[in-house]
Amino acid sequence: MAAVGEQTPFLIVYYGTDGSGGWQPLNRPLRTITTVDRFALVVPSEAGHQMRMLQVPELTKAMGFTRNYKLETGTRRQKVHMLGNGVCPPVMTEIVRTLSEN
């Protein structure tokens, strides 16, 4: 809390071993989304800090999927797993664009 501030929302990063301290500010791009829940949003409130895992729509937005993109089948856990195995659409678009220019 000393690094972030008592009234600043932030993300807790679970299962991380990258030496970044287990948290990240909201103004940085999200780290790699894995096949298991890894990110929790921490928000200050009058009752203390509240924590919840990022949800599938938030993860798809973080990856750069279009606003209307939906994962239609599977449980929440299966959807997180699929996203963790996915490639961010803007990255793949750039790869295909670069390959098609040659």
PDB file of N, CA and C in Angstrom:
ATOM      1  N   MET A   1       0.824  -1.195   0.000  1.00  0.00           N
ATOM      2  CA  MET A   1       0.000   0.000   0.000  1.00  0.00           C
ATOM      3  C   MET A   1       0.865   1.254   0.000  1.00  0.00           C
ATOM      4  N   ALA A   2       2.040   1.150   0.571  1.00  0.00           N
ATOM      5  CA  ALA A   2       2.912   2.314   0.628  1.00  0.00           C
ATOM      6  C   ALA A   2       3.311   2.771  -0.771  1.00  0.00           C
ATOM      7  N   ALA A   3       3.536   1.848  -1.683  1.00  0.00           N
ATOM      8  CA  ALA A   3       3.946   2.198  -3.042  1.00  0.00           C
ATOM      9  C   ALA A   3       2.786   2.717  -3.881  1.00  0.00           C
ATOM     10  N   VAL A   4       1.570   2.256  -3.585  1.00  0.00           N
ATOM     11  CA  VAL A   4       0.410   2.599  -4.401  1.00  0.00           C
ATOM     12  C   VAL A   4      -0.352   3.785  -3.837  1.00  0.00           C
ATOM     13  N   GLY A   5      -0.551   3.786  -2.538  1.00  0.00           N
ATOM     14  CA  GLY A   5      -1.380   4.795  -1.897  1.00  0.00           C
ATOM     15  C   GLY A   5      -2.656   4.158  -1.386  1.00  0.00           C
ATOM     16  N   GLU A   6      -3.142   4.642  -0.288  1.00  0.00           N
ATOM     17  CA  GLU A   6      -4.317   4.053   0.368  1.00  0.00           C
ATOM     18  C   GLU A   6      -5.606   4.194  -0.437  1.00  0.00           C
ATOM     19  N   GLN A   7      -5.717   5.214  -1.293  1.00  0.00           N
ATOM     20  CA  GLN A   7      -6.962   5.479  -2.008  1.00  0.00           C
ATOM     21  C   GLN A   7      -6.877   5.197  -3.505  1.00  0.00           C
ATOM     22  N   THR A   8      -5.852   4.489  -3.928  1.00  0.00           N
ATOM     23  CA  THR A   8      -5.641   4.226  -5.349  1.00  0.00           C
ATOM     24  C   THR A   8      -5.959   2.776  -5.685  1.00  0.00           C
ATOM     25  N   PRO A   9      -6.878   2.541  -6.638  1.00  0.00           N
ATOM     26  CA  PRO A   9      -7.122   1.162  -7.084  1.00  0.00           C
ATOM     27  C   PRO A   9      -5.888   0.612  -7.800  1.00  0.00           C
ATOM     28  N   PHE A  10      -5.703  -0.699  -7.731  1.00  0.00           N
ATOM     29  CA  PHE A  10      -4.567  -1.337  -8.397  1.00  0.00           C
ATOM     30  C   PHE A  10      -4.888  -2.796  -8.625  1.00  0.00           C
ATOM     31  N   LEU A  11      -4.020  -3.479  -9.328  1.00  0.00           N
ATOM     32  CA  LEU A  11      -4.176  -4.916  -9.586  1.00  0.00           C
ATOM     33  C   LEU A  11      -3.186  -5.701  -8.748  1.00  0.00           C
ATOM     34  N   ILE A  12      -3.666  -6.780  -8.170  1.00  0.00           N
ATOM     35  CA  ILE A  12      -2.782  -7.765  -7.539  1.00  0.00           C
ATOM     36  C   ILE A  12      -2.521  -8.832  -8.583  1.00  0.00           C
ATOM     37  N   VAL A  13      -1.277  -9.245  -8.682  1.00  0.00           N
ATOM     38  CA  VAL A  13      -0.897 -10.259  -9.653  1.00  0.00           C
ATOM     39  C   VAL A  13      -0.558 -11.538  -8.896  1.00  0.00           C
ATOM     40  N   TYR A  14      -1.375 -12.571  -9.103  1.00  0.00           N
ATOM     41  CA  TYR A  14      -1.145 -13.863  -8.459  1.00  0.00           C
ATOM     42  C   TYR A  14      -0.200 -14.703  -9.306  1.00  0.00           C
ATOM     43  N   TYR A  15       0.490 -15.609  -8.669  1.00  0.00           N
ATOM     44  CA  TYR A  15       1.347 -16.604  -9.317  1.00  0.00           C
ATOM     45  C   TYR A  15       2.523 -15.982 -10.033  1.00  0.00           C
ATOM     46  N   GLY A  16       2.810 -14.728  -9.804  1.00  0.00           N
ATOM     47  CA  GLY A  16       3.893 -14.065 -10.519  1.00  0.00           C
ATOM     48  C   GLY A  16       5.242 -14.307  -9.870  1.00  0.00           C
ATOM     49  N   THR A  17       6.244 -14.502 -10.681  1.00  0.00           N
ATOM     50  CA  THR A  17       7.606 -14.648 -10.186  1.00  0.00           C
ATOM     51  C   THR A  17       8.542 -13.725 -10.951  1.00  0.00           C
ATOM     52  N   ASP A  18       7.991 -12.641 -11.479  1.00  0.00           N
ATOM     53  CA  ASP A  18       8.821 -11.764 -12.303  1.00  0.00           C
ATOM     54  C   ASP A  18       9.492 -10.654 -11.508  1.00  0.00           C
ATOM     55  N   GLY A  19       9.349 -10.661 -10.201  1.00  0.00           N
ATOM     56  CA  GLY A  19      10.021  -9.687  -9.369  1.00  0.00           C
ATOM     57  C   GLY A  19       9.393  -8.308  -9.349  1.00  0.00           C
ATOM     58  N   SER A  20       8.166  -8.169  -9.847  1.00  0.00           N
ATOM     59  CA  SER A  20       7.518  -6.857  -9.899  1.00  0.00           C
ATOM     60  C   SER A  20       6.739  -6.522  -8.640  1.00  0.00           C
ATOM     61  N   GLY A  21       6.830  -7.337  -7.634  1.00  0.00           N
ATOM     62  CA  GLY A  21       6.209  -7.012  -6.364  1.00  0.00           C
ATOM     63  C   GLY A  21       4.789  -7.487  -6.189  1.00  0.00           C
ATOM     64  N   GLY A  22       4.246  -8.212  -7.153  1.00  0.00           N
ATOM     65  CA  GLY A  22       2.917  -8.777  -6.994  1.00  0.00           C
ATOM     66  C   GLY A  22       1.766  -7.820  -7.236  1.00  0.00           C
ATOM     67  N   TRP A  23       2.024  -6.625  -7.749  1.00  0.00           N
ATOM     68  CA  TRP A  23       0.948  -5.681  -8.050  1.00  0.00           C
ATOM     69  C   TRP A  23       1.360  -4.845  -9.252  1.00  0.00           C
ATOM     70  N   GLN A  24       0.363  -4.185  -9.826  1.00  0.00           N
ATOM     71  CA  GLN A  24       0.669  -3.231 -10.881  1.00  0.00           C
ATOM     72  C   GLN A  24      -0.395  -2.143 -10.904  1.00  0.00           C
ATOM     73  N   PRO A  25      -0.022  -0.939 -11.300  1.00  0.00           N
ATOM     74  CA  PRO A  25      -0.995   0.151 -11.384  1.00  0.00           C
ATOM     75  C   PRO A  25      -1.949  -0.067 -12.557  1.00  0.00           C
ATOM     76  N   LEU A  26      -3.082   0.605 -12.528  1.00  0.00           N
ATOM     77  CA  LEU A  26      -4.075   0.454 -13.580  1.00  0.00           C
ATOM     78  C   LEU A  26      -3.696   1.191 -14.856  1.00  0.00           C
ATOM     79  N   ASN A  27      -2.718   2.067 -14.808  1.00  0.00           N
ATOM     80  CA  ASN A  27      -2.362   2.841 -15.995  1.00  0.00           C
ATOM     81  C   ASN A  27      -1.281   2.169 -16.845  1.00  0.00           C
ATOM     82  N   ARG A  28      -0.937   0.923 -16.529  1.00  0.00           N
ATOM     83  CA  ARG A  28       0.009   0.146 -17.329  1.00  0.00           C
ATOM     84  C   ARG A  28      -0.730  -0.952 -18.067  1.00  0.00           C
ATOM     85  N   PRO A  29      -0.270  -1.319 -19.264  1.00  0.00           N
ATOM     86  CA  PRO A  29      -0.907  -2.454 -19.953  1.00  0.00           C
ATOM     87  C   PRO A  29      -0.838  -3.706 -19.086  1.00  0.00           C
ATOM     88  N   LEU A  30      -1.869  -4.505 -19.174  1.00  0.00           N
ATOM     89  CA  LEU A  30      -1.940  -5.734 -18.400  1.00  0.00           C
ATOM     90  C   LEU A  30      -0.841  -6.689 -18.836  1.00  0.00           C
ATOM     91  N   ARG A  31      -0.273  -7.388 -17.889  1.00  0.00           N
ATOM     92  CA  ARG A  31       0.734  -8.398 -18.205  1.00  0.00           C
ATOM     93  C   ARG A  31       0.083  -9.534 -18.995  1.00  0.00           C
ATOM     94  N   THR A  32       0.869 -10.498 -19.369  1.00  0.00           N
ATOM     95  CA  THR A  32       0.369 -11.636 -20.134  1.00  0.00           C
ATOM     96  C   THR A  32      -0.769 -12.324 -19.387  1.00  0.00           C
ATOM     97  N   ILE A  33      -1.867 -12.517 -20.084  1.00  0.00           N
ATOM     98  CA  ILE A  33      -3.005 -13.241 -19.520  1.00  0.00           C
ATOM     99  C   ILE A  33      -2.705 -14.727 -19.675  1.00  0.00           C
ATOM    100  N   THR A  34      -2.785 -15.446 -18.571  1.00  0.00           N
ATOM    101  CA  THR A  34      -2.466 -16.872 -18.585  1.00  0.00           C
ATOM    102  C   THR A  34      -3.744 -17.696 -18.584  1.00  0.00           C
ATOM    103  N   THR A  35      -3.595 -19.003 -18.561  1.00  0.00           N
ATOM    104  CA  THR A  35      -4.750 -19.898 -18.622  1.00  0.00           C
ATOM    105  C   THR A  35      -5.441 -20.073 -17.275  1.00  0.00           C
ATOM    106  N   VAL A  36      -4.955 -19.414 -16.245  1.00  0.00           N
ATOM    107  CA  VAL A  36      -5.606 -19.438 -14.927  1.00  0.00           C
ATOM    108  C   VAL A  36      -5.825 -18.005 -14.463  1.00  0.00           C
ATOM    109  N   ASP A  37      -6.796 -17.809 -13.573  1.00  0.00           N
ATOM    110  CA  ASP A  37      -7.015 -16.484 -13.001  1.00  0.00           C
ATOM    111  C   ASP A  37      -5.721 -15.983 -12.401  1.00  0.00           C
ATOM    112  N   ARG A  38      -5.343 -14.774 -12.772  1.00  0.00           N
ATOM    113  CA  ARG A  38      -4.076 -14.241 -12.284  1.00  0.00           C
ATOM    114  C   ARG A  38      -4.202 -12.826 -11.741  1.00  0.00           C
ATOM    115  N   PHE A  39      -5.234 -12.087 -12.160  1.00  0.00           N
ATOM    116  CA  PHE A  39      -5.323 -10.672 -11.825  1.00  0.00           C
ATOM    117  C   PHE A  39      -6.556 -10.372 -10.992  1.00  0.00           C
ATOM    118  N   ALA A  40      -6.352  -9.644  -9.901  1.00  0.00           N
ATOM    119  CA  ALA A  40      -7.470  -9.193  -9.059  1.00  0.00           C
ATOM    120  C   ALA A  40      -7.413  -7.678  -8.961  1.00  0.00           C
ATOM    121  N   LEU A  41      -8.571  -7.053  -9.096  1.00  0.00           N
ATOM    122  CA  LEU A  41      -8.690  -5.614  -8.931  1.00  0.00           C
ATOM    123  C   LEU A  41      -8.914  -5.317  -7.459  1.00  0.00           C
ATOM    124  N   VAL A  42      -8.137  -4.408  -6.902  1.00  0.00           N
ATOM    125  CA  VAL A  42      -8.275  -3.986  -5.509  1.00  0.00           C
ATOM    126  C   VAL A  42      -8.734  -2.534  -5.515  1.00  0.00           C
ATOM    127  N   VAL A  43      -9.872  -2.281  -4.863  1.00  0.00           N
ATOM    128  CA  VAL A  43     -10.459  -0.945  -4.843  1.00  0.00           C
ATOM    129  C   VAL A  43     -10.690  -0.532  -3.395  1.00  0.00           C
ATOM    130  N   PRO A  44     -10.231   0.662  -2.999  1.00  0.00           N
ATOM    131  CA  PRO A  44     -10.489   1.117  -1.632  1.00  0.00           C
ATOM    132  C   PRO A  44     -11.965   1.438  -1.440  1.00  0.00           C
ATOM    133  N   SER A  45     -12.477   1.153  -0.250  1.00  0.00           N
ATOM    134  CA  SER A  45     -13.856   1.486   0.092  1.00  0.00           C
ATOM    135  C   SER A  45     -13.910   1.842   1.571  1.00  0.00           C
ATOM    136  N   GLU A  46     -15.068   2.285   2.017  1.00  0.00           N
ATOM    137  CA  GLU A  46     -15.212   2.638   3.433  1.00  0.00           C
ATOM    138  C   GLU A  46     -15.065   1.416   4.336  1.00  0.00           C
ATOM    139  N   ALA A  47     -15.356   0.242   3.800  1.00  0.00           N
ATOM    140  CA  ALA A  47     -15.255  -0.995   4.568  1.00  0.00           C
ATOM    141  C   ALA A  47     -13.859  -1.611   4.485  1.00  0.00           C
ATOM    142  N   GLY A  48     -12.930  -0.919   3.866  1.00  0.00           N
ATOM    143  CA  GLY A  48     -11.598  -1.464   3.644  1.00  0.00           C
ATOM    144  C   GLY A  48     -11.415  -1.750   2.165  1.00  0.00           C
ATOM    145  N   HIS A  49     -10.299  -2.291   1.814  1.00  0.00           N
ATOM    146  CA  HIS A  49     -10.037  -2.590   0.411  1.00  0.00           C
ATOM    147  C   HIS A  49     -10.846  -3.809  -0.021  1.00  0.00           C
ATOM    148  N   GLN A  50     -11.499  -3.698  -1.171  1.00  0.00           N
ATOM    149  CA  GLN A  50     -12.289  -4.784  -1.749  1.00  0.00           C
ATOM    150  C   GLN A  50     -11.498  -5.372  -2.919  1.00  0.00           C
ATOM    151  N   MET A  51     -11.518  -6.681  -3.045  1.00  0.00           N
ATOM    152  CA  MET A  51     -10.771  -7.355  -4.094  1.00  0.00           C
ATOM    153  C   MET A  51     -11.691  -8.284  -4.862  1.00  0.00           C
ATOM    154  N   ARG A  52     -11.530  -8.304  -6.187  1.00  0.00           N
ATOM    155  CA  ARG A  52     -12.249  -9.258  -7.023  1.00  0.00           C
ATOM    156  C   ARG A  52     -11.393  -9.594  -8.235  1.00  0.00           C
ATOM    157  N   MET A  53     -11.550 -10.808  -8.721  1.00  0.00           N
ATOM    158  CA  MET A  53     -10.803 -11.230  -9.898  1.00  0.00           C
ATOM    159  C   MET A  53     -11.351 -10.507 -11.126  1.00  0.00           C
ATOM    160  N   LEU A  54     -10.472 -10.225 -12.088  1.00  0.00           N
ATOM    161  CA  LEU A  54     -10.941  -9.645 -13.338  1.00  0.00           C
ATOM    162  C   LEU A  54     -11.850 -10.652 -14.027  1.00  0.00           C
ATOM    163  N   GLN A  55     -12.891 -10.149 -14.655  1.00  0.00           N
ATOM    164  CA  GLN A  55     -13.871 -11.001 -15.307  1.00  0.00           C
ATOM    165  C   GLN A  55     -13.555 -11.137 -16.792  1.00  0.00           C
ATOM    166  N   VAL A  56     -14.179 -12.113 -17.439  1.00  0.00           N
ATOM    167  CA  VAL A  56     -13.911 -12.420 -18.841  1.00  0.00           C
ATOM    168  C   VAL A  56     -14.057 -11.187 -19.738  1.00  0.00           C
ATOM    169  N   PRO A  57     -15.118 -10.370 -19.619  1.00  0.00           N
ATOM    170  CA  PRO A  57     -15.187  -9.178 -20.483  1.00  0.00           C
ATOM    171  C   PRO A  57     -14.019  -8.207 -20.270  1.00  0.00           C
ATOM    172  N   GLU A  58     -13.533  -8.097 -19.057  1.00  0.00           N
ATOM    173  CA  GLU A  58     -12.387  -7.229 -18.785  1.00  0.00           C
ATOM    174  C   GLU A  58     -11.109  -7.797 -19.404  1.00  0.00           C
ATOM    175  N   LEU A  59     -10.956  -9.105 -19.347  1.00  0.00           N
ATOM    176  CA  LEU A  59      -9.780  -9.743 -19.938  1.00  0.00           C
ATOM    177  C   LEU A  59      -9.802  -9.639 -21.457  1.00  0.00           C
ATOM    178  N   THR A  60     -10.977  -9.809 -22.072  1.00  0.00           N
ATOM    179  CA  THR A  60     -11.055  -9.670 -23.534  1.00  0.00           C
ATOM    180  C   THR A  60     -10.746  -8.234 -23.944  1.00  0.00           C
ATOM    181  N   LYS A  61     -11.212  -7.278 -23.180  1.00  0.00           N
ATOM    182  CA  LYS A  61     -10.908  -5.867 -23.467  1.00  0.00           C
ATOM    183  C   LYS A  61      -9.414  -5.605 -23.325  1.00  0.00           C
ATOM    184  N   ALA A  62      -8.803  -6.160 -22.288  1.00  0.00           N
ATOM    185  CA  ALA A  62      -7.364  -5.976 -22.069  1.00  0.00           C
ATOM    186  C   ALA A  62      -6.540  -6.572 -23.204  1.00  0.00           C
ATOM    187  N   MET A  63      -7.065  -7.625 -23.832  1.00  0.00           N
ATOM    188  CA  MET A  63      -6.347  -8.256 -24.939  1.00  0.00           C
ATOM    189  C   MET A  63      -6.557  -7.526 -26.261  1.00  0.00           C
ATOM    190  N   GLY A  64      -7.515  -6.605 -26.305  1.00  0.00           N
ATOM    191  CA  GLY A  64      -7.739  -5.842 -27.528  1.00  0.00           C
ATOM    192  C   GLY A  64      -8.804  -6.418 -28.432  1.00  0.00           C
ATOM    193  N   PHE A  65      -9.633  -7.336 -27.918  1.00  0.00           N
ATOM    194  CA  PHE A  65     -10.752  -7.828 -28.709  1.00  0.00           C
ATOM    195  C   PHE A  65     -11.752  -6.694 -28.910  1.00  0.00           C
ATOM    196  N   THR A  66     -12.547  -6.789 -29.973  1.00  0.00           N
ATOM    197  CA  THR A  66     -13.552  -5.756 -30.217  1.00  0.00           C
ATOM    198  C   THR A  66     -14.586  -5.777 -29.101  1.00  0.00           C
ATOM    199  N   ARG A  67     -15.260  -4.664 -28.943  1.00  0.00           N
ATOM    200  CA  ARG A  67     -16.243  -4.508 -27.869  1.00  0.00           C
ATOM    201  C   ARG A  67     -17.373  -5.541 -27.948  1.00  0.00           C
ATOM    202  N   ASN A  68     -17.733  -5.943 -29.161  1.00  0.00           N
ATOM    203  CA  ASN A  68     -18.841  -6.888 -29.322  1.00  0.00           C
ATOM    204  C   ASN A  68     -18.390  -8.353 -29.330  1.00  0.00           C
ATOM    205  N   TYR A  69     -17.117  -8.638 -29.138  1.00  0.00           N
ATOM    206  CA  TYR A  69     -16.617 -10.011 -29.112  1.00  0.00           C
ATOM    207  C   TYR A  69     -17.132 -10.727 -27.867  1.00  0.00           C
ATOM    208  N   LYS A  70     -17.656 -11.918 -28.063  1.00  0.00           N
ATOM    209  CA  LYS A  70     -18.175 -12.709 -26.951  1.00  0.00           C
ATOM    210  C   LYS A  70     -17.675 -14.142 -27.069  1.00  0.00           C
ATOM    211  N   LEU A  71     -17.302 -14.708 -25.943  1.00  0.00           N
ATOM    212  CA  LEU A  71     -17.027 -16.141 -25.870  1.00  0.00           C
ATOM    213  C   LEU A  71     -18.355 -16.794 -25.514  1.00  0.00           C
ATOM    214  N   GLU A  72     -18.953 -17.475 -26.442  1.00  0.00           N
ATOM    215  CA  GLU A  72     -20.318 -17.969 -26.266  1.00  0.00           C
ATOM    216  C   GLU A  72     -20.426 -19.256 -25.453  1.00  0.00           C
ATOM    217  N   THR A  73     -19.413 -20.094 -25.480  1.00  0.00           N
ATOM    218  CA  THR A  73     -19.533 -21.385 -24.804  1.00  0.00           C
ATOM    219  C   THR A  73     -18.456 -21.540 -23.732  1.00  0.00           C
ATOM    220  N   GLY A  74     -18.729 -22.433 -22.813  1.00  0.00           N
ATOM    221  CA  GLY A  74     -17.758 -22.756 -21.780  1.00  0.00           C
ATOM    222  C   GLY A  74     -18.053 -22.076 -20.458  1.00  0.00           C
ATOM    223  N   THR A  75     -17.480 -22.635 -19.415  1.00  0.00           N
ATOM    224  CA  THR A  75     -17.584 -22.041 -18.089  1.00  0.00           C
ATOM    225  C   THR A  75     -16.647 -20.835 -18.011  1.00  0.00           C
ATOM    226  N   ARG A  76     -16.741 -20.085 -16.955  1.00  0.00           N
ATOM    227  CA  ARG A  76     -15.840 -18.949 -16.765  1.00  0.00           C
ATOM    228  C   ARG A  76     -14.386 -19.418 -16.785  1.00  0.00           C
ATOM    229  N   ARG A  77     -14.120 -20.497 -16.083  1.00  0.00           N
ATOM    230  CA  ARG A  77     -12.753 -21.040 -16.024  1.00  0.00           C
ATOM    231  C   ARG A  77     -12.259 -21.441 -17.414  1.00  0.00           C
ATOM    232  N   GLN A  78     -13.136 -22.072 -18.208  1.00  0.00           N
ATOM    233  CA  GLN A  78     -12.760 -22.467 -19.563  1.00  0.00           C
ATOM    234  C   GLN A  78     -12.499 -21.246 -20.447  1.00  0.00           C
ATOM    235  N   LYS A  79     -13.291 -20.193 -20.251  1.00  0.00           N
ATOM    236  CA  LYS A  79     -13.098 -18.967 -21.035  1.00  0.00           C
ATOM    237  C   LYS A  79     -11.768 -18.304 -20.692  1.00  0.00           C
ATOM    238  N   VAL A  80     -11.439 -18.244 -19.409  1.00  0.00           N
ATOM    239  CA  VAL A  80     -10.141 -17.686 -19.000  1.00  0.00           C
ATOM    240  C   VAL A  80      -9.022 -18.522 -19.610  1.00  0.00           C
ATOM    241  N   HIS A  81      -9.183 -19.828 -19.604  1.00  0.00           N
ATOM    242  CA  HIS A  81      -8.184 -20.723 -20.187  1.00  0.00           C
ATOM    243  C   HIS A  81      -8.016 -20.442 -21.687  1.00  0.00           C
ATOM    244  N   MET A  82      -9.148 -20.293 -22.403  1.00  0.00           N
ATOM    245  CA  MET A  82      -9.086 -20.002 -23.839  1.00  0.00           C
ATOM    246  C   MET A  82      -8.383 -18.672 -24.106  1.00  0.00           C
ATOM    247  N   LEU A  83      -8.688 -17.663 -23.298  1.00  0.00           N
ATOM    248  CA  LEU A  83      -8.031 -16.370 -23.471  1.00  0.00           C
ATOM    249  C   LEU A  83      -6.536 -16.482 -23.211  1.00  0.00           C
ATOM    250  N   GLY A  84      -6.163 -17.259 -22.215  1.00  0.00           N
ATOM    251  CA  GLY A  84      -4.750 -17.452 -21.914  1.00  0.00           C
ATOM    252  C   GLY A  84      -3.992 -18.141 -23.028  1.00  0.00           C
ATOM    253  N   ASN A  85      -4.700 -18.936 -23.826  1.00  0.00           N
ATOM    254  CA  ASN A  85      -4.085 -19.594 -24.977  1.00  0.00           C
ATOM    255  C   ASN A  85      -4.206 -18.762 -26.248  1.00  0.00           C
ATOM    256  N   GLY A  86      -4.882 -17.623 -26.155  1.00  0.00           N
ATOM    257  CA  GLY A  86      -5.129 -16.791 -27.326  1.00  0.00           C
ATOM    258  C   GLY A  86      -3.996 -15.826 -27.627  1.00  0.00           C
ATOM    259  N   VAL A  87      -4.144 -15.171 -28.748  1.00  0.00           N
ATOM    260  CA  VAL A  87      -3.223 -14.120 -29.173  1.00  0.00           C
ATOM    261  C   VAL A  87      -4.024 -12.832 -29.266  1.00  0.00           C
ATOM    262  N   CYS A  88      -3.463 -11.743 -28.787  1.00  0.00           N
ATOM    263  CA  CYS A  88      -4.151 -10.457 -28.836  1.00  0.00           C
ATOM    264  C   CYS A  88      -4.436 -10.089 -30.291  1.00  0.00           C
ATOM    265  N   PRO A  89      -5.697  -9.791 -30.630  1.00  0.00           N
ATOM    266  CA  PRO A  89      -6.041  -9.475 -32.017  1.00  0.00           C
ATOM    267  C   PRO A  89      -5.207  -8.360 -32.648  1.00  0.00           C
ATOM    268  N   PRO A  90      -4.917  -7.247 -31.940  1.00  0.00           N
ATOM    269  CA  PRO A  90      -4.086  -6.223 -32.588  1.00  0.00           C
ATOM    270  C   PRO A  90      -2.685  -6.737 -32.947  1.00  0.00           C
ATOM    271  N   VAL A  91      -2.150  -7.621 -32.127  1.00  0.00           N
ATOM    272  CA  VAL A  91      -0.819  -8.185 -32.410  1.00  0.00           C
ATOM    273  C   VAL A  91      -0.891  -9.079 -33.642  1.00  0.00           C
ATOM    274  N   MET A  92      -1.903  -9.942 -33.697  1.00  0.00           N
ATOM    275  CA  MET A  92      -2.034 -10.842 -34.843  1.00  0.00           C
ATOM    276  C   MET A  92      -2.330 -10.061 -36.115  1.00  0.00           C
ATOM    277  N   THR A  93      -3.121  -8.999 -36.016  1.00  0.00           N
ATOM    278  CA  THR A  93      -3.406  -8.162 -37.186  1.00  0.00           C
ATOM    279  C   THR A  93      -2.110  -7.587 -37.752  1.00  0.00           C
ATOM    280  N   GLU A  94      -1.258  -7.109 -36.871  1.00  0.00           N
ATOM    281  CA  GLU A  94       0.022  -6.529 -37.310  1.00  0.00           C
ATOM    282  C   GLU A  94       0.935  -7.589 -37.913  1.00  0.00           C
ATOM    283  N   ILE A  95       0.938  -8.781 -37.341  1.00  0.00           N
ATOM    284  CA  ILE A  95       1.760  -9.871 -37.889  1.00  0.00           C
ATOM    285  C   ILE A  95       1.304 -10.220 -39.294  1.00  0.00           C
ATOM    286  N   VAL A  96      -0.003 -10.384 -39.482  1.00  0.00           N
ATOM    287  CA  VAL A  96      -0.539 -10.743 -40.792  1.00  0.00           C
ATOM    288  C   VAL A  96      -0.284  -9.612 -41.792  1.00  0.00           C
ATOM    289  N   ARG A  97      -0.456  -8.368 -41.354  1.00  0.00           N
ATOM    290  CA  ARG A  97      -0.194  -7.224 -42.238  1.00  0.00           C
ATOM    291  C   ARG A  97       1.259  -7.228 -42.699  1.00  0.00           C
ATOM    292  N   THR A  98       2.170  -7.451 -41.775  1.00  0.00           N
ATOM    293  CA  THR A  98       3.592  -7.460 -42.098  1.00  0.00           C
ATOM    294  C   THR A  98       3.931  -8.606 -43.054  1.00  0.00           C
ATOM    295  N   LEU A  99       3.369  -9.790 -42.800  1.00  0.00           N
ATOM    296  CA  LEU A  99       3.639 -10.936 -43.664  1.00  0.00           C
ATOM    297  C   LEU A  99       3.064 -10.731 -45.063  1.00  0.00           C
ATOM    298  N   SER A 100       1.918 -10.086 -45.155  1.00  0.00           N
ATOM    299  CA  SER A 100       1.278  -9.915 -46.469  1.00  0.00           C
ATOM    300  C   SER A 100       1.960  -8.841 -47.303  1.00  0.00           C
ATOM    301  N   GLU A 101       2.772  -7.995 -46.685  1.00  0.00           N
ATOM    302  CA  GLU A 101       3.510  -6.964 -47.440  1.00  0.00           C
ATOM    303  C   GLU A 101       4.702  -7.548 -48.185  1.00  0.00           C
ATOM    304  N   ASN A 102       5.188  -8.697 -47.764  1.00  0.00           N
ATOM    305  CA  ASN A 102       6.392  -9.291 -48.381  1.00  0.00           C
ATOM    306  C   ASN A 102       6.072 -10.204 -49.512  1.00  0.00           C
TER     307      ASN A 102
END
